[in-house]
N, C-alpha and C. Protein backbone atom coordinates (compact mmCIF):
# COMPACT_ATOMS: atom_id res chain seq x y z
N MET A 1 1.06 -1.05 0.23
CA MET A 1 0.04 0.15 -0.13
C MET A 1 0.78 1.20 -0.02
N THR A 2 0.62 1.98 -0.84
CA THR A 2 1.13 3.31 -0.98
C THR A 2 1.29 4.22 0.46
N THR A 3 2.02 4.59 0.75
CA THR A 3 2.34 5.70 2.09
C THR A 3 2.72 7.15 1.84
N ARG A 4 2.01 8.01 2.37
CA ARG A 4 2.54 9.28 2.67
C ARG A 4 2.71 9.70 3.90
N ARG A 5 3.95 10.72 4.02
CA ARG A 5 4.44 10.80 5.58
C ARG A 5 3.80 12.12 5.84
N ILE A 6 2.98 12.40 6.75
CA ILE A 6 2.12 13.65 7.23
C ILE A 6 3.12 13.97 8.65
N ALA A 7 3.72 15.38 8.31
CA ALA A 7 4.35 16.09 9.65
C ALA A 7 2.96 17.06 10.27
N VAL A 8 3.21 17.08 11.53
CA VAL A 8 2.29 18.00 11.95
C VAL A 8 3.10 18.63 13.35
N ILE A 9 2.84 20.31 12.86
CA ILE A 9 3.46 20.77 13.75
C ILE A 9 2.54 21.67 14.92
N THR A 10 2.70 21.57 15.90
CA THR A 10 1.72 22.45 17.03
C THR A 10 2.33 23.12 18.13
N SER A 11 2.22 24.70 18.18
CA SER A 11 2.94 25.42 19.11
C SER A 11 2.04 25.84 20.48
N GLY A 12 1.20 24.89 20.69
CA GLY A 12 0.72 25.12 21.73
C GLY A 12 1.45 25.08 23.27
N LEU A 13 1.22 26.01 24.32
CA LEU A 13 2.33 26.07 25.34
C LEU A 13 1.52 25.63 26.55
N SER A 14 0.64 24.78 26.46
CA SER A 14 0.33 24.07 27.54
C SER A 14 -0.13 22.68 27.32
N GLN A 15 -0.38 21.84 28.48
CA GLN A 15 -0.98 20.59 28.07
C GLN A 15 -1.65 20.07 29.10
N PRO A 16 -2.85 19.62 28.49
CA PRO A 16 -3.27 19.65 27.18
C PRO A 16 -3.58 21.04 26.60
N SER A 17 -3.72 21.07 25.42
CA SER A 17 -4.17 22.29 24.77
C SER A 17 -4.80 22.30 23.57
N SER A 18 -5.89 23.09 23.60
CA SER A 18 -6.95 23.32 22.19
C SER A 18 -6.19 23.22 20.73
N THR A 19 -4.87 23.83 20.87
CA THR A 19 -3.94 23.77 19.73
C THR A 19 -3.66 22.36 19.44
N ARG A 20 -3.11 21.73 20.07
CA ARG A 20 -2.90 20.22 20.09
C ARG A 20 -4.03 19.30 19.65
N LEU A 21 -5.30 19.94 20.23
CA LEU A 21 -6.59 19.16 19.78
C LEU A 21 -7.17 19.29 18.66
N LEU A 22 -6.70 20.52 18.01
CA LEU A 22 -7.26 21.26 16.75
C LEU A 22 -6.33 20.14 15.87
N ALA A 23 -5.01 20.11 16.11
CA ALA A 23 -3.67 19.51 15.44
C ALA A 23 -4.13 17.97 15.02
N ASP A 24 -4.49 17.45 16.28
CA ASP A 24 -4.85 15.96 16.21
C ASP A 24 -6.41 15.48 15.31
N ARG A 25 -7.14 16.52 15.48
CA ARG A 25 -8.33 16.36 14.52
C ARG A 25 -7.99 16.41 13.16
N LEU A 26 -7.03 17.40 12.65
CA LEU A 26 -6.87 17.74 11.09
C LEU A 26 -5.88 16.47 10.70
N ALA A 27 -5.26 16.00 11.63
CA ALA A 27 -4.23 14.91 11.52
C ALA A 27 -5.07 13.64 11.16
N ASP A 28 -6.14 13.59 12.00
CA ASP A 28 -7.09 12.17 11.98
C ASP A 28 -7.82 12.27 10.63
N ALA A 29 -8.50 13.57 10.11
CA ALA A 29 -9.07 13.75 9.13
C ALA A 29 -8.29 13.51 7.88
N THR A 30 -7.31 14.05 7.88
CA THR A 30 -6.25 13.82 6.70
C THR A 30 -6.02 12.34 6.64
N ALA A 31 -5.84 11.59 7.67
CA ALA A 31 -5.53 10.25 7.17
C ALA A 31 -6.77 9.30 6.89
N ARG A 32 -7.92 9.68 7.14
CA ARG A 32 -9.28 9.04 6.75
C ARG A 32 -9.35 9.19 5.21
N GLN A 33 -9.13 10.64 4.72
CA GLN A 33 -8.89 11.18 3.36
C GLN A 33 -8.28 10.38 2.58
N LEU A 34 -6.77 10.14 3.30
CA LEU A 34 -6.05 9.50 2.19
C LEU A 34 -6.42 8.09 2.37
N ALA A 35 -6.80 7.62 3.65
CA ALA A 35 -7.32 6.07 3.10
C ALA A 35 -8.32 5.87 2.20
N THR A 36 -9.31 6.60 1.88
CA THR A 36 -10.37 6.66 0.59
C THR A 36 -9.75 6.49 -0.70
N LEU A 37 -8.67 7.14 -0.76
CA LEU A 37 -7.65 7.32 -1.75
C LEU A 37 -6.67 5.99 -2.06
N GLY A 38 -6.95 5.10 -1.23
CA GLY A 38 -5.83 3.80 -0.97
C GLY A 38 -4.59 4.25 -0.74
N ILE A 39 -4.54 5.31 0.16
CA ILE A 39 -3.16 5.51 0.89
C ILE A 39 -3.13 5.54 1.80
N ASP A 40 -2.10 4.95 2.61
CA ASP A 40 -1.70 4.64 3.99
C ASP A 40 -1.03 6.06 4.62
N ALA A 41 -1.21 6.62 5.63
CA ALA A 41 -0.66 7.73 6.20
C ALA A 41 0.07 7.51 7.39
N GLU A 42 1.30 7.93 7.26
CA GLU A 42 2.18 8.06 8.53
C GLU A 42 2.23 9.22 9.15
N VAL A 43 1.61 9.73 10.28
CA VAL A 43 1.11 10.86 10.95
C VAL A 43 2.68 10.94 12.19
N GLU A 44 3.31 12.15 12.07
CA GLU A 44 4.32 12.54 13.21
C GLU A 44 3.96 13.96 13.75
N ILE A 45 3.56 13.71 14.98
CA ILE A 45 3.38 15.09 15.46
C ILE A 45 4.30 15.60 16.08
N LEU A 46 4.66 16.70 16.24
CA LEU A 46 5.82 17.49 16.69
C LEU A 46 5.43 18.76 17.74
N GLU A 47 5.69 18.39 18.96
CA GLU A 47 4.82 19.44 19.91
C GLU A 47 6.15 20.46 20.05
N LEU A 48 6.01 21.93 19.46
CA LEU A 48 7.06 22.72 19.66
C LEU A 48 7.73 23.18 20.98
N ARG A 49 6.77 22.89 21.80
CA ARG A 49 7.01 23.32 22.88
C ARG A 49 8.26 22.46 23.79
N ASP A 50 8.45 21.41 23.23
CA ASP A 50 9.35 20.35 23.81
C ASP A 50 10.97 20.69 23.21
N THR A 51 11.07 21.58 22.12
CA THR A 51 12.04 21.93 21.38
C THR A 51 12.44 23.51 21.34
N ALA A 52 11.33 24.29 22.61
CA ALA A 52 11.63 25.71 22.61
C ALA A 52 13.40 26.06 22.76
N GLN A 53 13.80 25.25 23.84
CA GLN A 53 15.02 25.87 24.29
C GLN A 53 16.40 25.55 23.19
N ASP A 54 15.98 24.31 22.42
CA ASP A 54 16.87 23.84 21.32
C ASP A 54 16.59 24.93 20.15
N VAL A 55 15.56 25.39 20.16
CA VAL A 55 15.29 26.32 18.84
C VAL A 55 15.86 27.87 19.25
N VAL A 56 16.05 28.44 20.31
CA VAL A 56 16.68 29.34 21.00
C VAL A 56 18.15 29.42 20.58
N ASN A 57 18.29 28.22 21.22
CA ASN A 57 20.09 27.90 21.02
C ASN A 57 20.53 27.96 19.66
N ASN A 58 19.74 27.30 18.83
CA ASN A 58 20.28 27.21 17.46
C ASN A 58 20.03 28.75 16.97
N LEU A 59 19.20 29.62 17.24
CA LEU A 59 19.19 30.84 16.64
C LEU A 59 20.40 31.67 17.15
N MET A 60 20.80 31.34 18.55
CA MET A 60 21.82 32.36 18.76
C MET A 60 23.19 31.61 18.12
N THR A 61 23.27 30.37 18.07
CA THR A 61 24.72 29.66 17.55
C THR A 61 24.63 29.41 16.07
N GLY A 62 23.40 28.92 15.46
CA GLY A 62 23.60 28.41 14.39
C GLY A 62 23.49 26.97 14.06
N PHE A 63 23.84 26.43 14.90
CA PHE A 63 24.02 24.80 15.05
C PHE A 63 22.68 24.23 16.04
N PRO A 64 22.12 23.20 14.89
CA PRO A 64 20.74 22.59 15.88
C PRO A 64 21.20 21.42 16.50
N SER A 65 20.48 21.31 17.82
CA SER A 65 21.09 19.89 18.58
C SER A 65 20.51 18.77 17.84
N PRO A 66 20.85 17.38 18.35
CA PRO A 66 20.40 16.44 17.58
C PRO A 66 18.95 16.11 17.71
N LYS A 67 18.27 16.64 18.73
CA LYS A 67 16.76 16.52 18.75
C LYS A 67 15.84 17.69 17.94
N LEU A 68 16.80 18.84 17.80
CA LEU A 68 16.12 20.03 16.90
C LEU A 68 16.53 19.41 15.60
N GLU A 69 17.69 18.71 15.11
CA GLU A 69 17.90 18.59 13.77
C GLU A 69 16.71 17.25 13.18
N LYS A 70 16.49 16.45 14.24
CA LYS A 70 15.81 15.36 14.00
C LYS A 70 14.05 15.70 13.86
N ALA A 71 13.87 16.92 14.42
CA ALA A 71 12.17 17.66 14.23
C ALA A 71 12.23 18.15 12.72
N ILE A 72 13.64 18.98 12.50
CA ILE A 72 13.58 19.68 11.04
C ILE A 72 13.59 18.46 10.14
N GLU A 73 14.34 17.58 10.28
CA GLU A 73 14.13 16.49 9.11
C GLU A 73 12.87 15.83 9.04
N THR A 74 12.07 15.88 10.27
CA THR A 74 10.53 15.32 10.22
C THR A 74 9.78 15.94 9.22
N VAL A 75 9.80 17.76 9.33
CA VAL A 75 9.02 18.42 8.85
C VAL A 75 9.44 18.52 7.11
N THR A 76 10.70 18.66 6.76
CA THR A 76 11.16 19.06 5.61
C THR A 76 11.07 17.75 4.77
N GLY A 77 11.20 16.53 5.45
CA GLY A 77 11.23 15.55 4.70
C GLY A 77 9.50 14.80 4.19
N ALA A 78 8.59 15.33 4.57
CA ALA A 78 7.51 15.06 4.74
C ALA A 78 6.85 15.32 3.38
N ASP A 79 5.72 14.49 3.35
CA ASP A 79 5.25 14.67 1.84
C ASP A 79 3.97 16.00 2.07
N ALA A 80 3.69 16.18 2.99
CA ALA A 80 2.66 17.10 3.61
C ALA A 80 2.99 17.75 5.09
N LEU A 81 2.30 18.80 5.59
CA LEU A 81 2.60 19.44 6.31
C LEU A 81 1.24 20.10 7.05
N ILE A 82 1.07 19.63 8.34
CA ILE A 82 -0.21 20.43 8.94
C ILE A 82 0.48 21.38 9.87
N ALA A 83 -0.03 22.62 10.06
CA ALA A 83 0.73 23.57 11.00
C ALA A 83 -0.33 24.32 11.73
N VAL A 84 -0.26 24.00 13.16
CA VAL A 84 -1.18 24.77 14.16
C VAL A 84 -0.54 25.65 15.08
N THR A 85 -1.22 26.72 15.24
CA THR A 85 -0.47 27.80 16.28
C THR A 85 -1.50 28.58 17.01
N PRO A 86 -1.35 28.67 18.40
CA PRO A 86 -2.40 29.82 18.88
C PRO A 86 -2.32 31.06 18.48
N VAL A 87 -3.17 31.70 18.46
CA VAL A 87 -2.88 33.36 18.10
C VAL A 87 -2.61 34.21 19.61
N PHE A 88 -1.41 34.89 19.12
CA PHE A 88 -1.02 35.71 20.29
C PHE A 88 -1.22 37.15 19.68
N THR A 89 -1.34 38.18 20.51
CA THR A 89 -1.38 39.40 19.63
C THR A 89 -1.63 39.48 18.44
N THR A 90 -2.85 38.96 17.93
CA THR A 90 -3.16 39.09 16.28
C THR A 90 -2.54 38.21 15.43
N SER A 91 -1.56 37.53 15.80
CA SER A 91 -0.54 36.94 15.16
C SER A 91 -0.13 35.18 15.69
N TYR A 92 0.66 34.62 14.72
CA TYR A 92 0.87 33.44 15.55
C TYR A 92 1.75 33.34 16.37
N SER A 93 2.20 32.26 17.23
CA SER A 93 3.03 32.60 18.53
C SER A 93 4.36 32.83 17.97
N GLY A 94 5.21 33.15 18.93
CA GLY A 94 6.71 33.59 18.90
C GLY A 94 7.64 32.10 18.73
N LEU A 95 6.91 31.29 19.41
CA LEU A 95 7.33 29.83 19.14
C LEU A 95 7.37 29.18 17.91
N PHE A 96 6.39 29.58 17.24
CA PHE A 96 5.80 28.74 16.04
C PHE A 96 6.93 29.54 14.78
N LYS A 97 6.98 30.76 15.11
CA LYS A 97 7.91 31.81 13.99
C LYS A 97 9.30 31.16 14.03
N SER A 98 9.80 31.11 15.46
CA SER A 98 11.21 30.80 15.74
C SER A 98 11.40 29.51 14.91
N PHE A 99 10.51 28.47 15.35
CA PHE A 99 10.62 27.05 14.74
C PHE A 99 11.11 27.36 12.98
N ILE A 100 9.77 28.19 12.50
CA ILE A 100 9.95 28.32 11.24
C ILE A 100 11.35 28.90 10.68
N ASP A 101 11.83 29.77 11.62
CA ASP A 101 13.24 30.51 10.81
C ASP A 101 14.17 29.79 11.31
N VAL A 102 14.15 28.55 11.82
CA VAL A 102 15.44 27.39 11.67
C VAL A 102 15.31 26.91 10.52
N LEU A 103 14.37 26.97 9.86
CA LEU A 103 14.11 25.96 8.70
C LEU A 103 15.17 26.54 7.51
N ASP A 104 15.59 25.84 6.62
CA ASP A 104 16.31 26.18 5.41
C ASP A 104 15.13 27.11 4.59
N PRO A 105 15.08 28.05 3.90
CA PRO A 105 14.28 29.29 3.35
C PRO A 105 13.68 28.04 2.06
N GLN A 106 14.48 27.17 1.59
CA GLN A 106 13.98 26.48 0.41
C GLN A 106 13.50 25.32 0.84
N SER A 107 13.31 24.66 2.04
CA SER A 107 13.16 23.40 2.22
C SER A 107 11.63 23.11 2.24
N LEU A 108 10.97 24.10 2.24
CA LEU A 108 9.41 23.92 2.22
C LEU A 108 8.84 24.26 0.95
N THR A 109 9.78 24.58 -0.06
CA THR A 109 9.07 24.49 -1.58
C THR A 109 8.38 23.36 -2.03
N ASP A 110 6.97 23.76 -2.47
CA ASP A 110 6.14 22.85 -2.84
C ASP A 110 5.78 21.71 -1.93
N MET A 111 5.77 22.18 -0.79
CA MET A 111 5.30 21.31 0.38
C MET A 111 3.79 21.54 0.41
N PRO A 112 2.90 20.40 0.62
CA PRO A 112 1.37 20.76 0.65
C PRO A 112 1.35 21.14 2.40
N VAL A 113 0.34 22.40 2.23
CA VAL A 113 0.33 22.72 3.97
C VAL A 113 -0.95 23.03 4.33
N LEU A 114 -1.61 22.53 5.23
CA LEU A 114 -2.96 23.26 5.89
C LEU A 114 -2.35 23.98 7.00
N ILE A 115 -3.03 24.97 7.06
CA ILE A 115 -2.92 26.05 8.10
C ILE A 115 -3.91 26.04 8.87
N GLY A 116 -3.97 25.88 10.44
CA GLY A 116 -4.73 26.09 11.27
C GLY A 116 -4.47 27.02 12.74
N ALA A 117 -5.44 27.33 13.47
CA ALA A 117 -4.99 28.29 14.44
C ALA A 117 -5.91 28.40 15.72
N THR A 118 -5.85 28.69 16.74
CA THR A 118 -6.58 28.48 17.91
C THR A 118 -6.41 29.78 18.75
N GLY A 119 -7.47 30.29 19.22
CA GLY A 119 -7.89 31.52 19.83
C GLY A 119 -9.12 31.59 20.70
N GLY A 120 -9.07 32.64 21.57
CA GLY A 120 -10.30 33.14 22.31
C GLY A 120 -11.40 33.39 21.83
N SER A 121 -11.42 33.86 20.75
CA SER A 121 -12.56 35.00 20.14
C SER A 121 -12.40 34.77 18.42
N GLU A 122 -13.42 34.76 17.98
CA GLU A 122 -13.55 34.42 16.73
C GLU A 122 -13.12 35.61 15.70
N ARG A 123 -12.59 36.72 16.51
CA ARG A 123 -12.33 38.12 15.94
C ARG A 123 -10.58 37.81 15.42
N HIS A 124 -10.19 36.79 15.90
CA HIS A 124 -8.56 36.46 15.43
C HIS A 124 -8.54 35.54 14.37
N SER A 125 -9.70 35.02 13.83
CA SER A 125 -9.54 34.19 12.92
C SER A 125 -8.78 34.46 11.43
N LEU A 126 -8.78 35.92 11.06
CA LEU A 126 -8.06 36.58 10.06
C LEU A 126 -6.57 36.32 10.06
N ALA A 127 -6.08 36.04 11.45
CA ALA A 127 -4.70 35.71 11.39
C ALA A 127 -4.00 34.80 10.63
N LEU A 128 -4.96 33.93 10.19
CA LEU A 128 -4.72 32.64 9.20
C LEU A 128 -4.15 33.50 7.75
N ASP A 129 -5.01 34.29 7.54
CA ASP A 129 -5.06 34.80 5.97
C ASP A 129 -3.84 36.09 5.86
N TYR A 130 -3.95 36.83 7.06
CA TYR A 130 -3.07 37.93 6.71
C TYR A 130 -1.83 37.92 7.27
N ALA A 131 -1.58 36.36 8.29
CA ALA A 131 -0.11 35.88 8.66
C ALA A 131 0.15 34.79 8.46
N MET A 132 -0.25 33.62 8.67
CA MET A 132 -0.15 32.19 8.29
C MET A 132 0.02 32.02 6.88
N ARG A 133 -0.91 32.36 6.10
CA ARG A 133 -0.69 31.90 4.68
C ARG A 133 0.21 32.68 3.98
N PRO A 134 0.63 33.99 4.03
CA PRO A 134 1.64 34.99 3.75
C PRO A 134 2.75 34.21 4.22
N LEU A 135 3.27 33.77 5.15
CA LEU A 135 4.32 33.12 5.62
C LEU A 135 4.72 31.79 4.69
N PHE A 136 3.78 30.81 4.70
CA PHE A 136 4.01 29.89 4.05
C PHE A 136 4.09 30.00 2.23
N THR A 137 3.50 31.09 1.92
CA THR A 137 3.58 31.39 0.42
C THR A 137 4.75 31.74 0.01
N TYR A 138 5.48 33.06 1.03
CA TYR A 138 6.70 33.10 1.07
C TYR A 138 7.80 32.18 0.96
N LEU A 139 7.80 31.16 1.69
CA LEU A 139 8.66 30.02 1.69
C LEU A 139 7.98 28.93 0.53
N HIS A 140 7.42 29.50 -0.42
CA HIS A 140 6.98 28.55 -1.68
C HIS A 140 6.30 27.14 -1.40
N ALA A 141 5.44 27.13 -0.08
CA ALA A 141 4.74 26.18 -0.01
C ALA A 141 3.56 26.17 -0.58
N VAL A 142 2.56 25.00 -1.07
CA VAL A 142 1.33 25.19 -1.57
C VAL A 142 0.46 25.14 -0.27
N VAL A 143 -0.23 26.19 0.21
CA VAL A 143 -0.86 26.13 1.22
C VAL A 143 -2.71 25.61 0.44
N VAL A 144 -3.29 25.08 1.12
CA VAL A 144 -4.54 24.39 0.46
C VAL A 144 -5.82 25.83 0.84
N PRO A 145 -6.36 25.68 0.21
CA PRO A 145 -7.44 26.88 0.17
C PRO A 145 -8.13 27.24 1.60
N THR A 146 -8.56 26.25 2.09
CA THR A 146 -9.28 25.93 3.48
C THR A 146 -8.12 25.95 4.43
N SER A 147 -8.57 26.99 5.40
CA SER A 147 -7.52 27.12 6.57
C SER A 147 -8.69 27.10 7.73
N VAL A 148 -8.10 26.37 8.81
CA VAL A 148 -9.09 26.11 10.07
C VAL A 148 -8.94 26.75 11.33
N TYR A 149 -9.82 27.77 11.70
CA TYR A 149 -9.57 28.38 12.94
C TYR A 149 -10.49 28.00 13.80
N ALA A 150 -10.30 27.63 15.20
CA ALA A 150 -11.47 27.09 16.39
C ALA A 150 -10.87 28.08 17.33
N ALA A 151 -12.29 28.80 17.80
CA ALA A 151 -12.12 29.43 18.93
C ALA A 151 -12.72 29.16 20.32
N SER A 152 -12.57 29.48 21.41
CA SER A 152 -13.15 28.76 22.31
C SER A 152 -14.30 28.31 22.29
N SER A 153 -15.45 28.85 21.76
CA SER A 153 -16.77 28.76 21.58
C SER A 153 -16.95 27.44 20.81
N ASP A 154 -16.04 27.06 19.48
CA ASP A 154 -15.96 25.78 18.71
C ASP A 154 -16.08 24.74 19.69
N TRP A 155 -15.39 24.55 20.68
CA TRP A 155 -15.39 23.13 21.72
C TRP A 155 -16.39 23.18 22.22
N GLY A 156 -16.74 22.06 22.63
CA GLY A 156 -17.99 21.47 23.44
C GLY A 156 -18.89 21.95 22.84
N SER A 157 -19.19 22.04 21.53
CA SER A 157 -20.77 22.36 20.73
C SER A 157 -21.67 21.25 20.84
N THR A 158 -22.78 21.60 20.85
CA THR A 158 -23.82 20.48 20.82
C THR A 158 -24.42 20.28 19.33
N GLY A 159 -23.91 20.86 18.42
CA GLY A 159 -24.12 20.93 16.89
C GLY A 159 -24.63 21.83 16.31
N ASP A 160 -25.13 22.79 17.09
CA ASP A 160 -25.99 23.73 16.84
C ASP A 160 -25.19 25.24 16.58
N GLY A 161 -25.35 25.96 15.53
CA GLY A 161 -24.96 27.43 15.39
C GLY A 161 -23.72 27.35 14.65
N VAL A 162 -22.88 28.37 14.64
CA VAL A 162 -21.67 28.50 14.13
C VAL A 162 -20.49 27.64 14.14
N ALA A 163 -20.34 27.14 15.43
CA ALA A 163 -19.49 26.25 16.26
C ALA A 163 -19.69 24.95 15.21
N ALA A 164 -20.75 24.22 14.91
CA ALA A 164 -21.19 23.17 14.16
C ALA A 164 -20.59 23.37 12.72
N ALA A 165 -19.95 24.19 12.38
CA ALA A 165 -19.32 24.18 11.08
C ALA A 165 -17.84 23.92 11.34
N LEU A 166 -17.22 23.58 12.18
CA LEU A 166 -15.53 23.24 12.58
C LEU A 166 -15.81 22.11 12.17
N PRO A 167 -16.18 20.73 12.38
CA PRO A 167 -16.13 19.62 11.81
C PRO A 167 -16.39 19.69 10.48
N ASP A 168 -16.84 20.28 9.73
CA ASP A 168 -17.02 20.59 8.10
C ASP A 168 -15.58 21.16 7.58
N ARG A 169 -15.60 22.22 8.31
CA ARG A 169 -14.12 22.75 7.89
C ARG A 169 -12.92 22.02 8.04
N ILE A 170 -12.72 21.30 9.02
CA ILE A 170 -11.81 20.41 9.02
C ILE A 170 -11.66 19.29 8.26
N ASP A 171 -12.99 18.88 7.46
CA ASP A 171 -13.06 17.87 6.59
C ASP A 171 -12.57 18.24 5.40
N ARG A 172 -13.17 19.36 5.26
CA ARG A 172 -13.10 20.28 3.87
C ARG A 172 -11.26 20.22 3.71
N ALA A 173 -10.81 21.05 4.55
CA ALA A 173 -9.68 21.19 4.67
C ALA A 173 -8.53 20.07 4.56
N ALA A 174 -8.88 18.76 5.09
CA ALA A 174 -8.42 17.76 5.05
C ALA A 174 -8.28 16.94 3.68
N ARG A 175 -9.45 17.11 3.12
CA ARG A 175 -9.54 16.55 1.83
C ARG A 175 -8.62 17.30 0.79
N GLU A 176 -8.73 18.55 1.21
CA GLU A 176 -7.89 19.16 0.26
C GLU A 176 -6.05 18.93 0.27
N LEU A 177 -5.69 18.62 1.61
CA LEU A 177 -4.37 18.24 1.63
C LEU A 177 -4.12 16.95 1.17
N ALA A 178 -5.23 15.86 1.42
CA ALA A 178 -4.98 14.19 1.12
C ALA A 178 -5.03 14.63 -0.58
N ASN A 179 -5.46 15.17 -1.06
CA ASN A 179 -5.54 15.47 -2.57
C ASN A 179 -4.15 15.86 -3.20
N LEU A 180 -3.62 16.80 -2.49
CA LEU A 180 -2.36 17.38 -2.66
C LEU A 180 -1.20 16.22 -2.19
N ALA A 181 -1.30 15.71 -1.00
CA ALA A 181 -0.26 14.77 -0.48
C ALA A 181 -0.24 13.51 -1.01
N ALA A 182 -1.38 12.82 -2.11
CA ALA A 182 -1.41 11.58 -2.59
C ALA A 182 -0.49 12.04 -3.94
N GLU A 183 -0.37 13.14 -4.34
CA GLU A 183 0.60 13.42 -5.72
C GLU A 183 2.13 13.60 -5.24
N SER A 184 2.05 14.02 -4.00
CA SER A 184 3.84 14.44 -3.59
C SER A 184 4.55 13.20 -3.64
N ASP A 185 5.59 13.60 -3.80
CA ASP A 185 6.77 12.28 -3.82
C ASP A 185 8.17 12.89 -2.84
N ARG A 186 7.76 14.02 -1.89
CA ARG A 186 8.70 14.52 -1.27
C ARG A 186 9.50 13.67 -0.47
N SER A 187 8.87 12.47 0.20
CA SER A 187 9.66 11.57 1.26
C SER A 187 10.35 10.55 0.51
N SER A 188 10.64 10.37 -0.85
CA SER A 188 11.13 9.60 -1.69
C SER A 188 12.27 10.08 -2.14
N ARG A 189 12.34 11.40 -2.27
CA ARG A 189 13.56 12.29 -2.92
C ARG A 189 14.78 12.24 -2.04
N VAL A 190 15.87 11.65 -2.91
CA VAL A 190 17.11 11.58 -2.31
C VAL A 190 18.06 13.05 -2.39
N VAL A 191 18.32 13.39 -0.96
CA VAL A 191 18.79 14.70 -0.60
C VAL A 191 20.15 14.65 -0.50
N ASP A 192 21.02 15.14 -1.14
CA ASP A 192 22.59 15.37 -0.76
C ASP A 192 22.66 16.22 0.54
N PRO A 193 23.38 15.10 1.72
CA PRO A 193 23.49 15.86 2.96
C PRO A 193 24.38 16.90 2.98
N PHE A 194 25.59 17.09 2.07
CA PHE A 194 26.33 17.94 1.90
C PHE A 194 26.03 19.20 1.12
N ALA A 195 24.82 19.38 0.20
CA ALA A 195 24.71 20.44 -0.35
C ALA A 195 24.47 21.81 0.29
N LEU A 196 25.02 22.90 0.03
CA LEU A 196 25.06 24.11 0.71
C LEU A 196 23.53 24.52 0.11
N PRO A 197 22.89 25.17 1.22
CA PRO A 197 21.37 25.87 0.68
C PRO A 197 21.59 26.99 -0.31
N ALA A 198 20.61 27.18 -1.21
CA ALA A 198 20.50 27.73 -2.10
C ALA A 198 20.98 29.58 -1.55
N GLY A 199 21.90 30.40 -1.78
CA GLY A 199 21.92 31.82 -1.62
C GLY A 199 23.05 31.77 -0.71
N PHE A 200 23.64 30.76 -0.20
CA PHE A 200 24.43 30.54 1.14
C PHE A 200 25.83 31.44 0.67
N SER A 201 26.23 32.26 1.44
CA SER A 201 27.51 32.90 1.51
C SER A 201 28.28 32.84 2.76
N PRO A 202 29.63 32.77 2.75
CA PRO A 202 30.33 32.80 4.24
C PRO A 202 30.55 34.12 4.11
N VAL A 203 30.69 35.10 3.57
CA VAL A 203 30.82 36.18 3.93
C VAL A 203 29.62 37.54 3.94
N GLY A 204 28.35 37.20 3.56
CA GLY A 204 27.40 37.85 3.65
C GLY A 204 26.07 37.06 3.10
N GLY A 205 24.86 37.94 3.48
CA GLY A 205 23.84 37.28 2.84
C GLY A 205 23.16 36.08 3.62
N TYR A 206 22.78 35.37 3.28
CA TYR A 206 22.06 33.93 3.82
C TYR A 206 23.17 33.44 4.92
N GLY A 207 22.66 33.09 6.00
CA GLY A 207 23.87 32.44 6.94
C GLY A 207 24.61 33.23 7.40
N ALA A 208 24.79 34.32 7.52
CA ALA A 208 25.71 35.51 7.99
C ALA A 208 25.01 36.49 8.77
N GLN A 209 23.89 36.25 9.28
CA GLN A 209 23.09 37.28 10.19
C GLN A 209 23.33 37.01 11.32
């Protein structure tokens, strides 16, 4: 059976967190959608809070720890990515952005990505379109049309009102990601471990900041 690797990054700060809950539901829905296409899903979820100190050290030194390096390889070597963050001060969390900052800028090119976010109020849902989507577009990823935002009122719904739309949004976004992941061959590509990133310069520009 064909297999696709799905990486999931979630930057919730508490355990348990609504951010992780949304990430789990998106991952489960994507796996179900892939199954309908005759494809098995190998899902790996990364709690960014577990690598927070490693990310800061990497930003300061330029060298990832073995733990962070494994997390980076999990993300960049996947066939598709699910990225979920809490919304703080109208945008993605600092932890989420810091992890993205330690990735090679070319490493997410053509990566199918499903973006999601959580927050206390529905008013913050636009952060998906004016913050997260431009971020991944800049990295040349392929972001699915449907993004998923879950406010506090979306959890524990009895199935009535606006909150009832959350499962529908999850299924629609998962279907879009599954269709792109089905065509992805990223996890089977052979990567030269000694190749320098595009634009690298030992005296200036990328890698010298």
